[in-house]
Amino acid sequence: MTAEERTIYITNYDMLRLEELLDEFSSRNSKHLDELAKELLRAEIVDPKSIPPDVITMNSRVRLMDLDSKEERIYTLVFPRDANIDQNKISILAPIGTAMIGYRGGDTIKWQVPAGTKRLKVLSILYQPEAAGDYRL
């Protein structure tokens, strides 16, 4: 399944905050900002209480496996101000962050890196704010 074929679910609250983020950074000419904007255009907007619990939303903590190296990592998808690589908090504006949003458990995330195509499998969603009842993190 290609990125264009999958349905991306984004909560209406995350959508508002992501649109504000794009506006804030609009003066920058960035391929990653363009990619995020394209993802948002295709998104199905849902109420936070209705989002499936296995969808990566903002502030979700996920366990991923690199399909080439078989290495597993745990990341939290965050807004730029909260990004901290030492804590495995990945910004939505980082290429992997933009690639992660809206994917579900079991999906394979693919995105281009200078060395080719990177592939990560979503092994599990360890924490999703909406599933935990945290609707406004």
N, C-alpha and C. Protein backbone atom coordinates (compact mmCIF):
# COMPACT_ATOMS: atom_id res chain seq x y z
N MET A 1 0.85 -1.17 0.00
CA MET A 1 0.00 0.00 0.00
C MET A 1 0.89 1.24 0.00
N THR A 2 0.66 2.14 -0.92
CA THR A 2 1.43 3.37 -0.95
C THR A 2 0.78 4.39 -0.05
N ALA A 3 1.54 5.44 0.27
CA ALA A 3 1.01 6.48 1.14
C ALA A 3 -0.27 7.07 0.57
N GLU A 4 -0.34 7.19 -0.76
CA GLU A 4 -1.52 7.78 -1.37
C GLU A 4 -2.75 6.89 -1.26
N GLU A 5 -2.57 5.60 -1.05
CA GLU A 5 -3.69 4.68 -1.00
C GLU A 5 -4.27 4.51 0.40
N ARG A 6 -3.50 4.84 1.41
CA ARG A 6 -3.99 4.58 2.76
C ARG A 6 -4.83 5.75 3.28
N THR A 7 -5.74 5.44 4.17
CA THR A 7 -6.53 6.47 4.82
C THR A 7 -5.78 6.96 6.04
N ILE A 8 -5.64 8.26 6.14
CA ILE A 8 -4.97 8.86 7.28
C ILE A 8 -6.05 9.44 8.18
N TYR A 9 -6.02 9.08 9.44
CA TYR A 9 -6.96 9.63 10.40
C TYR A 9 -6.24 10.64 11.28
N ILE A 10 -6.81 11.81 11.39
CA ILE A 10 -6.25 12.85 12.25
C ILE A 10 -7.40 13.46 13.03
N THR A 11 -7.18 13.65 14.32
CA THR A 11 -8.23 14.25 15.12
C THR A 11 -8.40 15.71 14.73
N ASN A 12 -9.60 16.23 14.92
CA ASN A 12 -9.84 17.63 14.57
C ASN A 12 -8.96 18.56 15.40
N TYR A 13 -8.68 18.20 16.62
CA TYR A 13 -7.81 19.03 17.47
C TYR A 13 -6.36 19.01 16.95
N ASP A 14 -5.84 17.83 16.60
CA ASP A 14 -4.49 17.75 16.03
C ASP A 14 -4.44 18.52 14.71
N MET A 15 -5.50 18.41 13.90
CA MET A 15 -5.51 19.11 12.61
C MET A 15 -5.38 20.62 12.82
N LEU A 16 -6.12 21.16 13.76
CA LEU A 16 -6.02 22.61 14.03
C LEU A 16 -4.60 22.99 14.43
N ARG A 17 -4.01 22.21 15.33
CA ARG A 17 -2.66 22.54 15.79
C ARG A 17 -1.62 22.34 14.68
N LEU A 18 -1.80 21.35 13.83
CA LEU A 18 -0.86 21.13 12.73
C LEU A 18 -0.99 22.22 11.67
N GLU A 19 -2.22 22.66 11.41
CA GLU A 19 -2.40 23.77 10.46
C GLU A 19 -1.75 25.04 11.00
N GLU A 20 -1.88 25.30 12.30
CA GLU A 20 -1.22 26.45 12.92
C GLU A 20 0.30 26.33 12.79
N LEU A 21 0.81 25.14 12.97
CA LEU A 21 2.24 24.89 12.84
C LEU A 21 2.72 25.18 11.41
N LEU A 22 1.96 24.71 10.43
CA LEU A 22 2.32 24.98 9.04
C LEU A 22 2.31 26.48 8.75
N ASP A 23 1.31 27.19 9.30
CA ASP A 23 1.26 28.65 9.12
C ASP A 23 2.48 29.31 9.76
N GLU A 24 2.83 28.84 10.94
CA GLU A 24 3.98 29.41 11.68
C GLU A 24 5.28 29.25 10.89
N PHE A 25 5.44 28.12 10.22
CA PHE A 25 6.67 27.83 9.50
C PHE A 25 6.55 28.09 8.00
N SER A 26 5.47 28.73 7.57
CA SER A 26 5.20 28.89 6.14
C SER A 26 6.27 29.68 5.40
N SER A 27 7.02 30.51 6.11
CA SER A 27 8.07 31.30 5.44
C SER A 27 9.27 30.43 5.04
N ARG A 28 9.35 29.24 5.60
CA ARG A 28 10.45 28.33 5.26
C ARG A 28 10.09 27.52 4.03
N ASN A 29 11.05 27.36 3.15
CA ASN A 29 10.86 26.53 1.98
C ASN A 29 11.38 25.14 2.33
N SER A 30 10.48 24.23 2.61
CA SER A 30 10.90 22.92 3.08
C SER A 30 10.07 21.81 2.45
N LYS A 31 10.77 20.81 1.94
CA LYS A 31 10.11 19.64 1.38
C LYS A 31 9.28 18.93 2.45
N HIS A 32 9.78 18.92 3.69
CA HIS A 32 9.08 18.23 4.78
C HIS A 32 7.78 18.94 5.14
N LEU A 33 7.77 20.27 5.09
CA LEU A 33 6.53 21.02 5.33
C LEU A 33 5.53 20.71 4.22
N ASP A 34 6.02 20.64 2.98
CA ASP A 34 5.14 20.30 1.85
C ASP A 34 4.56 18.91 2.02
N GLU A 35 5.39 17.97 2.46
CA GLU A 35 4.92 16.59 2.69
C GLU A 35 3.84 16.55 3.76
N LEU A 36 4.06 17.29 4.85
CA LEU A 36 3.07 17.31 5.92
C LEU A 36 1.77 17.93 5.41
N ALA A 37 1.86 19.00 4.66
CA ALA A 37 0.66 19.64 4.11
C ALA A 37 -0.11 18.67 3.21
N LYS A 38 0.60 17.89 2.40
CA LYS A 38 -0.05 16.90 1.53
C LYS A 38 -0.74 15.83 2.37
N GLU A 39 -0.08 15.38 3.43
CA GLU A 39 -0.69 14.38 4.31
C GLU A 39 -1.99 14.92 4.91
N LEU A 40 -1.97 16.15 5.36
CA LEU A 40 -3.15 16.74 5.98
C LEU A 40 -4.30 16.90 4.99
N LEU A 41 -3.98 17.20 3.74
CA LEU A 41 -5.02 17.34 2.72
C LEU A 41 -5.77 16.04 2.50
N ARG A 42 -5.09 14.92 2.65
CA ARG A 42 -5.70 13.61 2.42
C ARG A 42 -6.37 13.04 3.66
N ALA A 43 -6.19 13.69 4.79
CA ALA A 43 -6.63 13.13 6.07
C ALA A 43 -8.14 13.10 6.21
N GLU A 44 -8.58 12.07 6.87
CA GLU A 44 -9.97 12.01 7.30
C GLU A 44 -9.99 12.56 8.73
N ILE A 45 -10.71 13.65 8.90
CA ILE A 45 -10.75 14.34 10.20
C ILE A 45 -11.82 13.66 11.05
N VAL A 46 -11.43 13.28 12.27
CA VAL A 46 -12.36 12.60 13.17
C VAL A 46 -12.32 13.25 14.55
N ASP A 47 -13.38 13.09 15.26
CA ASP A 47 -13.45 13.54 16.65
C ASP A 47 -12.45 12.71 17.45
N PRO A 48 -11.75 13.33 18.41
CA PRO A 48 -10.77 12.56 19.20
C PRO A 48 -11.35 11.31 19.87
N LYS A 49 -12.62 11.35 20.22
CA LYS A 49 -13.23 10.20 20.88
C LYS A 49 -13.54 9.08 19.89
N SER A 50 -13.45 9.38 18.58
CA SER A 50 -13.79 8.39 17.55
C SER A 50 -12.58 7.82 16.82
N ILE A 51 -11.40 8.32 17.11
CA ILE A 51 -10.22 7.84 16.37
C ILE A 51 -9.89 6.42 16.79
N PRO A 52 -9.60 5.54 15.83
CA PRO A 52 -9.24 4.17 16.21
C PRO A 52 -8.01 4.17 17.14
N PRO A 53 -7.98 3.30 18.13
CA PRO A 53 -6.90 3.31 19.12
C PRO A 53 -5.53 2.86 18.59
N ASP A 54 -5.49 2.34 17.36
CA ASP A 54 -4.21 1.88 16.82
C ASP A 54 -3.63 2.85 15.78
N VAL A 55 -4.12 4.10 15.78
CA VAL A 55 -3.63 5.12 14.85
C VAL A 55 -2.61 5.99 15.56
N ILE A 56 -1.51 6.31 14.87
CA ILE A 56 -0.50 7.20 15.43
C ILE A 56 -1.02 8.63 15.33
N THR A 57 -1.25 9.24 16.48
CA THR A 57 -1.67 10.63 16.57
C THR A 57 -0.54 11.41 17.24
N MET A 58 -0.72 12.71 17.35
CA MET A 58 0.28 13.51 18.04
C MET A 58 0.40 13.05 19.48
N ASN A 59 1.61 12.97 19.97
CA ASN A 59 1.95 12.53 21.32
C ASN A 59 1.76 11.03 21.55
N SER A 60 1.59 10.28 20.47
CA SER A 60 1.55 8.81 20.59
C SER A 60 2.97 8.29 20.77
N ARG A 61 3.09 7.23 21.56
CA ARG A 61 4.37 6.52 21.73
C ARG A 61 4.23 5.18 21.00
N VAL A 62 5.16 4.92 20.08
CA VAL A 62 5.03 3.75 19.22
C VAL A 62 6.31 2.93 19.20
N ARG A 63 6.14 1.64 18.99
CA ARG A 63 7.28 0.73 18.84
C ARG A 63 7.38 0.38 17.36
N LEU A 64 8.54 0.70 16.79
CA LEU A 64 8.78 0.49 15.37
C LEU A 64 9.96 -0.45 15.16
N MET A 65 9.95 -1.16 14.03
CA MET A 65 11.09 -1.99 13.68
C MET A 65 11.57 -1.59 12.29
N ASP A 66 12.88 -1.32 12.19
CA ASP A 66 13.51 -1.06 10.91
C ASP A 66 13.54 -2.39 10.17
N LEU A 67 12.89 -2.45 9.02
CA LEU A 67 12.77 -3.72 8.30
C LEU A 67 14.07 -4.17 7.66
N ASP A 68 15.05 -3.28 7.53
CA ASP A 68 16.34 -3.66 6.97
C ASP A 68 17.29 -4.17 8.06
N SER A 69 17.40 -3.43 9.16
CA SER A 69 18.35 -3.81 10.22
C SER A 69 17.71 -4.70 11.29
N LYS A 70 16.37 -4.78 11.30
CA LYS A 70 15.59 -5.52 12.31
C LYS A 70 15.70 -4.88 13.70
N GLU A 71 16.24 -3.68 13.78
CA GLU A 71 16.37 -2.97 15.04
C GLU A 71 15.01 -2.39 15.43
N GLU A 72 14.67 -2.52 16.72
CA GLU A 72 13.42 -1.95 17.23
C GLU A 72 13.72 -0.67 17.99
N ARG A 73 12.81 0.29 17.86
CA ARG A 73 12.93 1.57 18.56
C ARG A 73 11.56 2.01 19.03
N ILE A 74 11.56 2.79 20.08
CA ILE A 74 10.33 3.39 20.59
C ILE A 74 10.47 4.90 20.43
N TYR A 75 9.46 5.51 19.78
CA TYR A 75 9.45 6.95 19.56
C TYR A 75 8.13 7.53 20.02
N THR A 76 8.18 8.80 20.41
CA THR A 76 6.98 9.58 20.68
C THR A 76 6.92 10.68 19.64
N LEU A 77 5.78 10.82 18.97
CA LEU A 77 5.58 11.84 17.94
C LEU A 77 5.11 13.12 18.61
N VAL A 78 5.89 14.20 18.47
CA VAL A 78 5.60 15.43 19.21
C VAL A 78 5.67 16.66 18.29
N PHE A 79 5.21 17.78 18.83
CA PHE A 79 5.36 19.05 18.15
C PHE A 79 6.81 19.51 18.31
N PRO A 80 7.28 20.37 17.40
CA PRO A 80 8.71 20.75 17.41
C PRO A 80 9.23 21.24 18.76
N ARG A 81 8.45 21.99 19.49
CA ARG A 81 8.93 22.53 20.77
C ARG A 81 9.22 21.44 21.80
N ASP A 82 8.64 20.26 21.63
CA ASP A 82 8.81 19.15 22.57
C ASP A 82 9.82 18.11 22.09
N ALA A 83 10.36 18.31 20.89
CA ALA A 83 11.28 17.32 20.32
C ALA A 83 12.55 17.22 21.17
N ASN A 84 13.00 15.98 21.37
CA ASN A 84 14.22 15.73 22.14
C ASN A 84 14.71 14.33 21.75
N ILE A 85 15.73 14.28 20.91
CA ILE A 85 16.20 13.00 20.40
C ILE A 85 16.71 12.09 21.53
N ASP A 86 17.27 12.69 22.59
CA ASP A 86 17.76 11.88 23.72
C ASP A 86 16.62 11.16 24.43
N GLN A 87 15.40 11.70 24.33
CA GLN A 87 14.23 11.07 24.94
C GLN A 87 13.37 10.35 23.88
N ASN A 88 13.92 10.21 22.67
CA ASN A 88 13.20 9.58 21.55
C ASN A 88 11.89 10.27 21.22
N LYS A 89 11.87 11.59 21.40
CA LYS A 89 10.71 12.41 21.03
C LYS A 89 11.01 13.03 19.67
N ILE A 90 10.27 12.58 18.66
CA ILE A 90 10.51 12.97 17.28
C ILE A 90 9.50 14.03 16.85
N SER A 91 10.01 15.12 16.27
CA SER A 91 9.15 16.20 15.79
C SER A 91 8.33 15.76 14.59
N ILE A 92 7.10 16.24 14.53
CA ILE A 92 6.25 16.02 13.36
C ILE A 92 6.89 16.62 12.11
N LEU A 93 7.79 17.61 12.29
CA LEU A 93 8.45 18.23 11.14
C LEU A 93 9.70 17.49 10.69
N ALA A 94 10.14 16.49 11.45
CA ALA A 94 11.24 15.64 10.99
C ALA A 94 10.68 14.67 9.95
N PRO A 95 11.49 14.26 8.99
CA PRO A 95 10.96 13.36 7.95
C PRO A 95 10.27 12.11 8.51
N ILE A 96 10.84 11.48 9.52
CA ILE A 96 10.20 10.29 10.09
C ILE A 96 8.90 10.66 10.79
N GLY A 97 8.86 11.83 11.42
CA GLY A 97 7.64 12.27 12.10
C GLY A 97 6.50 12.49 11.12
N THR A 98 6.80 13.20 10.04
CA THR A 98 5.80 13.42 9.00
C THR A 98 5.32 12.09 8.42
N ALA A 99 6.25 11.15 8.26
CA ALA A 99 5.89 9.84 7.71
C ALA A 99 5.01 9.04 8.67
N MET A 100 5.18 9.23 9.97
CA MET A 100 4.48 8.41 10.98
C MET A 100 3.00 8.77 11.14
N ILE A 101 2.66 10.05 11.05
CA ILE A 101 1.32 10.51 11.41
C ILE A 101 0.25 9.74 10.62
N GLY A 102 -0.73 9.23 11.34
CA GLY A 102 -1.87 8.58 10.72
C GLY A 102 -1.71 7.10 10.41
N TYR A 103 -0.48 6.57 10.53
CA TYR A 103 -0.30 5.14 10.30
C TYR A 103 -0.88 4.34 11.46
N ARG A 104 -1.13 3.06 11.21
CA ARG A 104 -1.75 2.19 12.21
C ARG A 104 -0.84 1.04 12.54
N GLY A 105 -1.12 0.40 13.67
CA GLY A 105 -0.40 -0.80 14.05
C GLY A 105 -0.42 -1.81 12.92
N GLY A 106 0.74 -2.40 12.60
CA GLY A 106 0.85 -3.38 11.53
C GLY A 106 1.25 -2.77 10.19
N ASP A 107 1.09 -1.45 10.04
CA ASP A 107 1.46 -0.78 8.78
C ASP A 107 2.97 -0.71 8.62
N THR A 108 3.41 -0.55 7.38
CA THR A 108 4.81 -0.30 7.07
C THR A 108 4.93 1.13 6.59
N ILE A 109 5.75 1.89 7.27
CA ILE A 109 6.01 3.29 6.93
C ILE A 109 7.18 3.31 5.96
N LYS A 110 7.02 4.00 4.84
CA LYS A 110 8.09 4.14 3.86
C LYS A 110 8.31 5.61 3.59
N TRP A 111 9.58 6.01 3.56
CA TRP A 111 9.89 7.38 3.16
C TRP A 111 11.29 7.43 2.60
N GLN A 112 11.51 8.44 1.77
CA GLN A 112 12.79 8.59 1.09
C GLN A 112 13.82 9.24 2.00
N VAL A 113 15.01 8.68 2.01
CA VAL A 113 16.17 9.25 2.69
C VAL A 113 17.28 9.33 1.64
N PRO A 114 18.34 10.09 1.89
CA PRO A 114 19.40 10.21 0.88
C PRO A 114 19.92 8.87 0.37
N ALA A 115 19.94 7.86 1.22
CA ALA A 115 20.49 6.55 0.82
C ALA A 115 19.46 5.65 0.14
N GLY A 116 18.21 6.12 0.00
CA GLY A 116 17.18 5.29 -0.63
C GLY A 116 15.87 5.37 0.12
N THR A 117 15.17 4.25 0.20
CA THR A 117 13.89 4.19 0.88
C THR A 117 14.06 3.52 2.24
N LYS A 118 13.56 4.18 3.28
CA LYS A 118 13.60 3.63 4.64
C LYS A 118 12.23 3.00 4.89
N ARG A 119 12.24 1.83 5.55
CA ARG A 119 11.00 1.12 5.86
C ARG A 119 10.95 0.75 7.33
N LEU A 120 9.89 1.18 8.00
CA LEU A 120 9.68 0.85 9.40
C LEU A 120 8.31 0.20 9.56
N LYS A 121 8.27 -0.87 10.32
CA LYS A 121 6.99 -1.52 10.60
C LYS A 121 6.49 -1.03 11.95
N VAL A 122 5.22 -0.65 12.01
CA VAL A 122 4.60 -0.23 13.27
C VAL A 122 4.23 -1.51 14.02
N LEU A 123 5.03 -1.84 15.04
CA LEU A 123 4.78 -3.06 15.81
C LEU A 123 3.63 -2.88 16.77
N SER A 124 3.59 -1.72 17.44
CA SER A 124 2.49 -1.47 18.37
C SER A 124 2.43 0.00 18.75
N ILE A 125 1.25 0.39 19.16
CA ILE A 125 1.03 1.73 19.72
C ILE A 125 1.05 1.52 21.23
N LEU A 126 2.07 2.02 21.88
CA LEU A 126 2.22 1.83 23.33
C LEU A 126 1.37 2.82 24.11
N TYR A 127 1.16 3.98 23.52
CA TYR A 127 0.32 5.00 24.16
C TYR A 127 -0.24 5.90 23.07
N GLN A 128 -1.55 6.06 23.09
CA GLN A 128 -2.21 7.03 22.22
C GLN A 128 -3.04 7.91 23.15
N PRO A 129 -2.82 9.22 23.14
CA PRO A 129 -3.54 10.09 24.10
C PRO A 129 -5.05 9.91 24.06
N GLU A 130 -5.61 9.84 22.86
CA GLU A 130 -7.07 9.74 22.73
C GLU A 130 -7.59 8.45 23.35
N ALA A 131 -6.88 7.34 23.13
CA ALA A 131 -7.31 6.06 23.71
C ALA A 131 -7.23 6.08 25.22
N ALA A 132 -6.31 6.92 25.76
CA ALA A 132 -6.15 7.04 27.21
C ALA A 132 -7.08 8.11 27.80
N GLY A 133 -7.88 8.75 26.95
CA GLY A 133 -8.79 9.78 27.43
C GLY A 133 -8.15 11.14 27.56
N ASP A 134 -6.93 11.30 27.03
CA ASP A 134 -6.24 12.60 27.06
C ASP A 134 -6.47 13.28 25.72
N TYR A 135 -7.48 14.13 25.66
CA TYR A 135 -7.89 14.70 24.39
C TYR A 135 -7.22 16.01 24.03
N ARG A 136 -6.50 16.63 24.93
CA ARG A 136 -5.92 17.94 24.64
C ARG A 136 -4.50 18.08 25.14
N LEU A 137 -3.64 17.11 24.82
CA LEU A 137 -2.24 17.21 25.24
C LEU A 137 -1.53 18.29 24.48
